[in-house]
Amino acid sequence: MLEFRIREKIEDLNRFGEIFIISVDSNVCRSLMEFVENLANKHKCVDTWLASGIGRKDEAHQFDKELGYEITGYRFVNRF
């Protein structure tokens, strides 16, 4: 399963693609990533962001890094 959306960066008025993937198969995941990166490029996005939870296994994060993604920040959540 994949969720992809194009968003606007308000600080520099650029677009970026945001990716959420749930997949247990690395070949499927790699194909999905290639598809959405091409889609983001077609829509003139300056980059793509991959959302990933800290609860994922280290191998999953390593896979993301192998695809060229880097950790750039934190997400804060306030649960009610």
PDB file of N, CA and C in Angstrom:
ATOM      1  N   MET A   1       0.841  -1.166   0.000  1.00  0.00           N
ATOM      2  CA  MET A   1       0.000   0.000   0.000  1.00  0.00           C
ATOM      3  C   MET A   1       0.890   1.234   0.000  1.00  0.00           C
ATOM      4  N   LEU A   2       0.449   2.268  -0.677  1.00  0.00           N
ATOM      5  CA  LEU A   2       1.216   3.491  -0.770  1.00  0.00           C
ATOM      6  C   LEU A   2       0.268   4.690  -0.719  1.00  0.00           C
ATOM      7  N   GLU A   3       0.690   5.698   0.014  1.00  0.00           N
ATOM      8  CA  GLU A   3      -0.005   6.984  -0.023  1.00  0.00           C
ATOM      9  C   GLU A   3       1.017   8.012  -0.468  1.00  0.00           C
ATOM     10  N   PHE A   4       0.628   8.820  -1.428  1.00  0.00           N
ATOM     11  CA  PHE A   4       1.511   9.859  -1.948  1.00  0.00           C
ATOM     12  C   PHE A   4       0.700  11.120  -2.143  1.00  0.00           C
ATOM     13  N   ARG A   5       1.265  12.233  -1.725  1.00  0.00           N
ATOM     14  CA  ARG A   5       0.604  13.511  -1.971  1.00  0.00           C
ATOM     15  C   ARG A   5       1.643  14.573  -2.256  1.00  0.00           C
ATOM     16  N   ILE A   6       1.220  15.551  -3.019  1.00  0.00           N
ATOM     17  CA  ILE A   6       2.076  16.684  -3.328  1.00  0.00           C
ATOM     18  C   ILE A   6       1.682  17.815  -2.393  1.00  0.00           C
ATOM     19  N   ARG A   7       2.680  18.390  -1.742  1.00  0.00           N
ATOM     20  CA  ARG A   7       2.430  19.454  -0.773  1.00  0.00           C
ATOM     21  C   ARG A   7       3.251  20.682  -1.138  1.00  0.00           C
ATOM     22  N   GLU A   8       2.877  21.786  -0.552  1.00  0.00           N
ATOM     23  CA  GLU A   8       3.567  23.053  -0.791  1.00  0.00           C
ATOM     24  C   GLU A   8       4.404  23.415   0.431  1.00  0.00           C
ATOM     25  N   LYS A   9       5.623  23.852   0.195  1.00  0.00           N
ATOM     26  CA  LYS A   9       6.470  24.393   1.264  1.00  0.00           C
ATOM     27  C   LYS A   9       6.184  25.884   1.346  1.00  0.00           C
ATOM     28  N   ILE A  10       5.665  26.337   2.461  1.00  0.00           N
ATOM     29  CA  ILE A  10       5.312  27.755   2.553  1.00  0.00           C
ATOM     30  C   ILE A  10       6.537  28.643   2.754  1.00  0.00           C
ATOM     31  N   GLU A  11       7.617  28.077   3.280  1.00  0.00           N
ATOM     32  CA  GLU A  11       8.792  28.912   3.532  1.00  0.00           C
ATOM     33  C   GLU A  11       9.531  29.314   2.257  1.00  0.00           C
ATOM     34  N   ASP A  12       9.486  28.488   1.202  1.00  0.00           N
ATOM     35  CA  ASP A  12      10.175  28.854  -0.035  1.00  0.00           C
ATOM     36  C   ASP A  12       9.314  28.659  -1.284  1.00  0.00           C
ATOM     37  N   LEU A  13       8.023  28.413  -1.087  1.00  0.00           N
ATOM     38  CA  LEU A  13       7.047  28.301  -2.172  1.00  0.00           C
ATOM     39  C   LEU A  13       7.400  27.234  -3.203  1.00  0.00           C
ATOM     40  N   ASN A  14       7.958  26.125  -2.745  1.00  0.00           N
ATOM     41  CA  ASN A  14       8.243  24.981  -3.600  1.00  0.00           C
ATOM     42  C   ASN A  14       7.316  23.834  -3.253  1.00  0.00           C
ATOM     43  N   ARG A  15       7.248  22.887  -4.149  1.00  0.00           N
ATOM     44  CA  ARG A  15       6.467  21.671  -3.922  1.00  0.00           C
ATOM     45  C   ARG A  15       7.388  20.536  -3.476  1.00  0.00           C
ATOM     46  N   PHE A  16       6.806  19.629  -2.704  1.00  0.00           N
ATOM     47  CA  PHE A  16       7.511  18.393  -2.390  1.00  0.00           C
ATOM     48  C   PHE A  16       6.521  17.246  -2.398  1.00  0.00           C
ATOM     49  N   GLY A  17       7.015  16.065  -2.672  1.00  0.00           N
ATOM     50  CA  GLY A  17       6.192  14.869  -2.612  1.00  0.00           C
ATOM     51  C   GLY A  17       6.345  14.237  -1.240  1.00  0.00           C
ATOM     52  N   GLU A  18       5.247  13.799  -0.673  1.00  0.00           N
ATOM     53  CA  GLU A  18       5.280  13.144   0.641  1.00  0.00           C
ATOM     54  C   GLU A  18       4.797  11.706   0.473  1.00  0.00           C
ATOM     55  N   ILE A  19       5.604  10.780   0.972  1.00  0.00           N
ATOM     56  CA  ILE A  19       5.372   9.355   0.748  1.00  0.00           C
ATOM     57  C   ILE A  19       5.124   8.643   2.075  1.00  0.00           C
ATOM     58  N   PHE A  20       4.091   7.811   2.077  1.00  0.00           N
ATOM     59  CA  PHE A  20       3.817   6.886   3.183  1.00  0.00           C
ATOM     60  C   PHE A  20       3.663   5.511   2.557  1.00  0.00           C
ATOM     61  N   ILE A  21       4.449   4.553   2.996  1.00  0.00           N
ATOM     62  CA  ILE A  21       4.401   3.212   2.417  1.00  0.00           C
ATOM     63  C   ILE A  21       4.269   2.179   3.529  1.00  0.00           C
ATOM     64  N   ILE A  22       3.410   1.203   3.269  1.00  0.00           N
ATOM     65  CA  ILE A  22       3.369   0.017   4.118  1.00  0.00           C
ATOM     66  C   ILE A  22       3.585  -1.161   3.183  1.00  0.00           C
ATOM     67  N   SER A  23       4.735  -1.785   3.297  1.00  0.00           N
ATOM     68  CA  SER A  23       5.062  -2.914   2.439  1.00  0.00           C
ATOM     69  C   SER A  23       6.071  -3.796   3.153  1.00  0.00           C
ATOM     70  N   VAL A  24       5.917  -5.082   3.011  1.00  0.00           N
ATOM     71  CA  VAL A  24       6.877  -6.002   3.610  1.00  0.00           C
ATOM     72  C   VAL A  24       7.842  -6.549   2.567  1.00  0.00           C
ATOM     73  N   ASP A  25       7.613  -6.252   1.313  1.00  0.00           N
ATOM     74  CA  ASP A  25       8.439  -6.778   0.236  1.00  0.00           C
ATOM     75  C   ASP A  25       9.311  -5.662  -0.320  1.00  0.00           C
ATOM     76  N   SER A  26      10.619  -5.813  -0.229  1.00  0.00           N
ATOM     77  CA  SER A  26      11.527  -4.749  -0.662  1.00  0.00           C
ATOM     78  C   SER A  26      11.465  -4.495  -2.166  1.00  0.00           C
ATOM     79  N   ASN A  27      11.214  -5.532  -2.972  1.00  0.00           N
ATOM     80  CA  ASN A  27      11.112  -5.324  -4.419  1.00  0.00           C
ATOM     81  C   ASN A  27       9.886  -4.487  -4.768  1.00  0.00           C
ATOM     82  N   VAL A  28       8.772  -4.761  -4.111  1.00  0.00           N
ATOM     83  CA  VAL A  28       7.560  -3.968  -4.328  1.00  0.00           C
ATOM     84  C   VAL A  28       7.797  -2.539  -3.866  1.00  0.00           C
ATOM     85  N   CYS A  29       8.407  -2.385  -2.711  1.00  0.00           N
ATOM     86  CA  CYS A  29       8.679  -1.062  -2.159  1.00  0.00           C
ATOM     87  C   CYS A  29       9.584  -0.276  -3.096  1.00  0.00           C
ATOM     88  N   ARG A  30      10.604  -0.887  -3.603  1.00  0.00           N
ATOM     89  CA  ARG A  30      11.539  -0.212  -4.514  1.00  0.00           C
ATOM     90  C   ARG A  30      10.804   0.258  -5.782  1.00  0.00           C
ATOM     91  N   SER A  31       9.930  -0.573  -6.314  1.00  0.00           N
ATOM     92  CA  SER A  31       9.150  -0.198  -7.502  1.00  0.00           C
ATOM     93  C   SER A  31       8.208   0.951  -7.207  1.00  0.00           C
ATOM     94  N   LEU A  32       7.550   0.920  -6.048  1.00  0.00           N
ATOM     95  CA  LEU A  32       6.651   2.004  -5.658  1.00  0.00           C
ATOM     96  C   LEU A  32       7.412   3.312  -5.496  1.00  0.00           C
ATOM     97  N   MET A  33       8.579   3.250  -4.880  1.00  0.00           N
ATOM     98  CA  MET A  33       9.383   4.450  -4.673  1.00  0.00           C
ATOM     99  C   MET A  33       9.810   5.052  -6.013  1.00  0.00           C
ATOM    100  N   GLU A  34      10.217   4.227  -6.937  1.00  0.00           N
ATOM    101  CA  GLU A  34      10.608   4.719  -8.255  1.00  0.00           C
ATOM    102  C   GLU A  34       9.419   5.394  -8.942  1.00  0.00           C
ATOM    103  N   PHE A  35       8.249   4.780  -8.840  1.00  0.00           N
ATOM    104  CA  PHE A  35       7.049   5.353  -9.446  1.00  0.00           C
ATOM    105  C   PHE A  35       6.718   6.729  -8.868  1.00  0.00           C
ATOM    106  N   VAL A  36       6.699   6.850  -7.532  1.00  0.00           N
ATOM    107  CA  VAL A  36       6.305   8.135  -6.936  1.00  0.00           C
ATOM    108  C   VAL A  36       7.388   9.200  -7.104  1.00  0.00           C
ATOM    109  N   GLU A  37       8.645   8.812  -7.131  1.00  0.00           N
ATOM    110  CA  GLU A  37       9.700   9.791  -7.375  1.00  0.00           C
ATOM    111  C   GLU A  37       9.590  10.354  -8.791  1.00  0.00           C
ATOM    112  N   ASN A  38       9.255   9.514  -9.757  1.00  0.00           N
ATOM    113  CA  ASN A  38       9.029   9.991 -11.119  1.00  0.00           C
ATOM    114  C   ASN A  38       7.793  10.898 -11.177  1.00  0.00           C
ATOM    115  N   LEU A  39       6.754  10.535 -10.440  1.00  0.00           N
ATOM    116  CA  LEU A  39       5.551  11.354 -10.379  1.00  0.00           C
ATOM    117  C   LEU A  39       5.848  12.717  -9.751  1.00  0.00           C
ATOM    118  N   ALA A  40       6.623  12.727  -8.678  1.00  0.00           N
ATOM    119  CA  ALA A  40       7.007  13.982  -8.028  1.00  0.00           C
ATOM    120  C   ALA A  40       7.814  14.851  -8.985  1.00  0.00           C
ATOM    121  N   ASN A  41       8.715  14.251  -9.715  1.00  0.00           N
ATOM    122  CA  ASN A  41       9.509  14.984 -10.697  1.00  0.00           C
ATOM    123  C   ASN A  41       8.620  15.572 -11.789  1.00  0.00           C
ATOM    124  N   LYS A  42       7.655  14.802 -12.254  1.00  0.00           N
ATOM    125  CA  LYS A  42       6.723  15.265 -13.284  1.00  0.00           C
ATOM    126  C   LYS A  42       5.949  16.499 -12.810  1.00  0.00           C
ATOM    127  N   HIS A  43       5.653  16.561 -11.509  1.00  0.00           N
ATOM    128  CA  HIS A  43       4.895  17.679 -10.943  1.00  0.00           C
ATOM    129  C   HIS A  43       5.809  18.768 -10.379  1.00  0.00           C
ATOM    130  N   LYS A  44       7.073  18.734 -10.776  1.00  0.00           N
ATOM    131  CA  LYS A  44       8.058  19.771 -10.426  1.00  0.00           C
ATOM    132  C   LYS A  44       8.285  19.922  -8.919  1.00  0.00           C
ATOM    133  N   CYS A  45       8.270  18.809  -8.219  1.00  0.00           N
ATOM    134  CA  CYS A  45       8.614  18.820  -6.793  1.00  0.00           C
ATOM    135  C   CYS A  45      10.130  18.963  -6.664  1.00  0.00           C
ATOM    136  N   VAL A  46      10.578  19.683  -5.659  1.00  0.00           N
ATOM    137  CA  VAL A  46      12.018  19.865  -5.469  1.00  0.00           C
ATOM    138  C   VAL A  46      12.639  18.700  -4.703  1.00  0.00           C
ATOM    139  N   ASP A  47      11.808  17.941  -3.979  1.00  0.00           N
ATOM    140  CA  ASP A  47      12.291  16.763  -3.263  1.00  0.00           C
ATOM    141  C   ASP A  47      11.107  15.902  -2.850  1.00  0.00           C
ATOM    142  N   THR A  48      11.423  14.748  -2.312  1.00  0.00           N
ATOM    143  CA  THR A  48      10.392  13.877  -1.757  1.00  0.00           C
ATOM    144  C   THR A  48      10.730  13.595  -0.304  1.00  0.00           C
ATOM    145  N   TRP A  49       9.697  13.521   0.502  1.00  0.00           N
ATOM    146  CA  TRP A  49       9.835  13.210   1.923  1.00  0.00           C
ATOM    147  C   TRP A  49       9.217  11.848   2.168  1.00  0.00           C
ATOM    148  N   LEU A  50       9.896  11.039   2.929  1.00  0.00           N
ATOM    149  CA  LEU A  50       9.420   9.708   3.271  1.00  0.00           C
ATOM    150  C   LEU A  50       9.122   9.683   4.757  1.00  0.00           C
ATOM    151  N   ALA A  51       7.866   9.492   5.116  1.00  0.00           N
ATOM    152  CA  ALA A  51       7.476   9.425   6.520  1.00  0.00           C
ATOM    153  C   ALA A  51       7.700   8.012   7.030  1.00  0.00           C
ATOM    154  N   SER A  52       8.370   7.913   8.163  1.00  0.00           N
ATOM    155  CA  SER A  52       8.691   6.610   8.729  1.00  0.00           C
ATOM    156  C   SER A  52       8.655   6.686  10.243  1.00  0.00           C
ATOM    157  N   GLY A  53       8.027   5.741  10.871  1.00  0.00           N
ATOM    158  CA  GLY A  53       7.926   5.731  12.321  1.00  0.00           C
ATOM    159  C   GLY A  53       9.172   5.183  12.999  1.00  0.00           C
ATOM    160  N   ILE A  54       9.404   5.623  14.226  1.00  0.00           N
ATOM    161  CA  ILE A  54      10.574   5.143  14.966  1.00  0.00           C
ATOM    162  C   ILE A  54      10.430   3.686  15.379  1.00  0.00           C
ATOM    163  N   GLY A  55       9.228   3.160  15.328  1.00  0.00           N
ATOM    164  CA  GLY A  55       9.001   1.775  15.709  1.00  0.00           C
ATOM    165  C   GLY A  55       9.346   0.767  14.635  1.00  0.00           C
ATOM    166  N   ARG A  56       9.677   1.245  13.446  1.00  0.00           N
ATOM    167  CA  ARG A  56      10.055   0.322  12.373  1.00  0.00           C
ATOM    168  C   ARG A  56      11.397  -0.327  12.687  1.00  0.00           C
ATOM    169  N   LYS A  57      11.600  -1.495  12.149  1.00  0.00           N
ATOM    170  CA  LYS A  57      12.857  -2.195  12.379  1.00  0.00           C
ATOM    171  C   LYS A  57      14.018  -1.441  11.748  1.00  0.00           C
ATOM    172  N   ASP A  58      15.196  -1.596  12.326  1.00  0.00           N
ATOM    173  CA  ASP A  58      16.388  -0.925  11.811  1.00  0.00           C
ATOM    174  C   ASP A  58      16.648  -1.262  10.341  1.00  0.00           C
ATOM    175  N   GLU A  59      16.301  -2.492   9.926  1.00  0.00           N
ATOM    176  CA  GLU A  59      16.521  -2.878   8.536  1.00  0.00           C
ATOM    177  C   GLU A  59      15.686  -2.019   7.595  1.00  0.00           C
ATOM    178  N   ALA A  60      14.485  -1.649   8.019  1.00  0.00           N
ATOM    179  CA  ALA A  60      13.627  -0.807   7.179  1.00  0.00           C
ATOM    180  C   ALA A  60      14.235   0.570   7.008  1.00  0.00           C
ATOM    181  N   HIS A  61      14.751   1.139   8.081  1.00  0.00           N
ATOM    182  CA  HIS A  61      15.390   2.452   7.976  1.00  0.00           C
ATOM    183  C   HIS A  61      16.664   2.380   7.144  1.00  0.00           C
ATOM    184  N   GLN A  62      17.384   1.312   7.253  1.00  0.00           N
ATOM    185  CA  GLN A  62      18.582   1.134   6.432  1.00  0.00           C
ATOM    186  C   GLN A  62      18.202   1.063   4.963  1.00  0.00           C
ATOM    187  N   PHE A  63      17.114   0.386   4.658  1.00  0.00           N
ATOM    188  CA  PHE A  63      16.621   0.301   3.284  1.00  0.00           C
ATOM    189  C   PHE A  63      16.310   1.704   2.751  1.00  0.00           C
ATOM    190  N   ASP A  64      15.649   2.523   3.569  1.00  0.00           N
ATOM    191  CA  ASP A  64      15.323   3.902   3.173  1.00  0.00           C
ATOM    192  C   ASP A  64      16.599   4.691   2.878  1.00  0.00           C
ATOM    193  N   LYS A  65      17.607   4.517   3.710  1.00  0.00           N
ATOM    194  CA  LYS A  65      18.876   5.210   3.492  1.00  0.00           C
ATOM    195  C   LYS A  65      19.540   4.749   2.203  1.00  0.00           C
ATOM    196  N   GLU A  66      19.440   3.463   1.900  1.00  0.00           N
ATOM    197  CA  GLU A  66      20.008   2.940   0.661  1.00  0.00           C
ATOM    198  C   GLU A  66      19.330   3.532  -0.567  1.00  0.00           C
ATOM    199  N   LEU A  67      18.082   3.955  -0.417  1.00  0.00           N
ATOM    200  CA  LEU A  67      17.353   4.597  -1.512  1.00  0.00           C
ATOM    201  C   LEU A  67      17.697   6.079  -1.631  1.00  0.00           C
ATOM    202  N   GLY A  68      18.542   6.579  -0.719  1.00  0.00           N
ATOM    203  CA  GLY A  68      18.981   7.967  -0.790  1.00  0.00           C
ATOM    204  C   GLY A  68      18.294   8.905   0.183  1.00  0.00           C
ATOM    205  N   TYR A  69      17.466   8.378   1.069  1.00  0.00           N
ATOM    206  CA  TYR A  69      16.757   9.212   2.035  1.00  0.00           C
ATOM    207  C   TYR A  69      17.595   9.363   3.299  1.00  0.00           C
ATOM    208  N   GLU A  70      17.513  10.536   3.913  1.00  0.00           N
ATOM    209  CA  GLU A  70      18.259  10.797   5.141  1.00  0.00           C
ATOM    210  C   GLU A  70      17.316  11.320   6.214  1.00  0.00           C
ATOM    211  N   ILE A  71      17.678  11.112   7.444  1.00  0.00           N
ATOM    212  CA  ILE A  71      16.898  11.610   8.573  1.00  0.00           C
ATOM    213  C   ILE A  71      17.178  13.105   8.703  1.00  0.00           C
ATOM    214  N   THR A  72      16.102  13.908   8.682  1.00  0.00           N
ATOM    215  CA  THR A  72      16.272  15.360   8.701  1.00  0.00           C
ATOM    216  C   THR A  72      15.558  16.055   9.851  1.00  0.00           C
ATOM    217  N   GLY A  73      14.813  15.313  10.667  1.00  0.00           N
ATOM    218  CA  GLY A  73      14.100  15.996  11.741  1.00  0.00           C
ATOM    219  C   GLY A  73      13.262  15.050  12.571  1.00  0.00           C
ATOM    220  N   TYR A  74      12.383  15.653  13.343  1.00  0.00           N
ATOM    221  CA  TYR A  74      11.493  14.937  14.238  1.00  0.00           C
ATOM    222  C   TYR A  74      10.056  15.317  13.940  1.00  0.00           C
ATOM    223  N   ARG A  75       9.142  14.473  14.327  1.00  0.00           N
ATOM    224  CA  ARG A  75       7.727  14.790  14.297  1.00  0.00           C
ATOM    225  C   ARG A  75       7.229  14.698  15.733  1.00  0.00           C
ATOM    226  N   PHE A  76       6.528  15.709  16.189  1.00  0.00           N
ATOM    227  CA  PHE A  76       6.003  15.724  17.543  1.00  0.00           C
ATOM    228  C   PHE A  76       4.503  15.488  17.499  1.00  0.00           C
ATOM    229  N   VAL A  77       4.006  14.646  18.392  1.00  0.00           N
ATOM    230  CA  VAL A  77       2.586  14.308  18.433  1.00  0.00           C
ATOM    231  C   VAL A  77       2.070  14.545  19.840  1.00  0.00           C
ATOM    232  N   ASN A  78       0.925  15.157  19.960  1.00  0.00           N
ATOM    233  CA  ASN A  78       0.243  15.335  21.235  1.00  0.00           C
ATOM    234  C   ASN A  78      -0.982  14.444  21.214  1.00  0.00           C
ATOM    235  N   ARG A  79      -0.975  13.386  21.972  1.00  0.00           N
ATOM    236  CA  ARG A  79      -2.090  12.429  21.986  1.00  0.00           C
ATOM    237  C   ARG A  79      -3.120  12.823  23.054  1.00  0.00           C
ATOM    238  N   PHE A  80      -4.377  12.746  22.691  1.00  0.00           N
ATOM    239  CA  PHE A  80      -5.465  13.102  23.614  1.00  0.00           C
ATOM    240  C   PHE A  80      -6.132  11.869  24.167  1.00  0.00           C
TER     241      PHE A  80
END
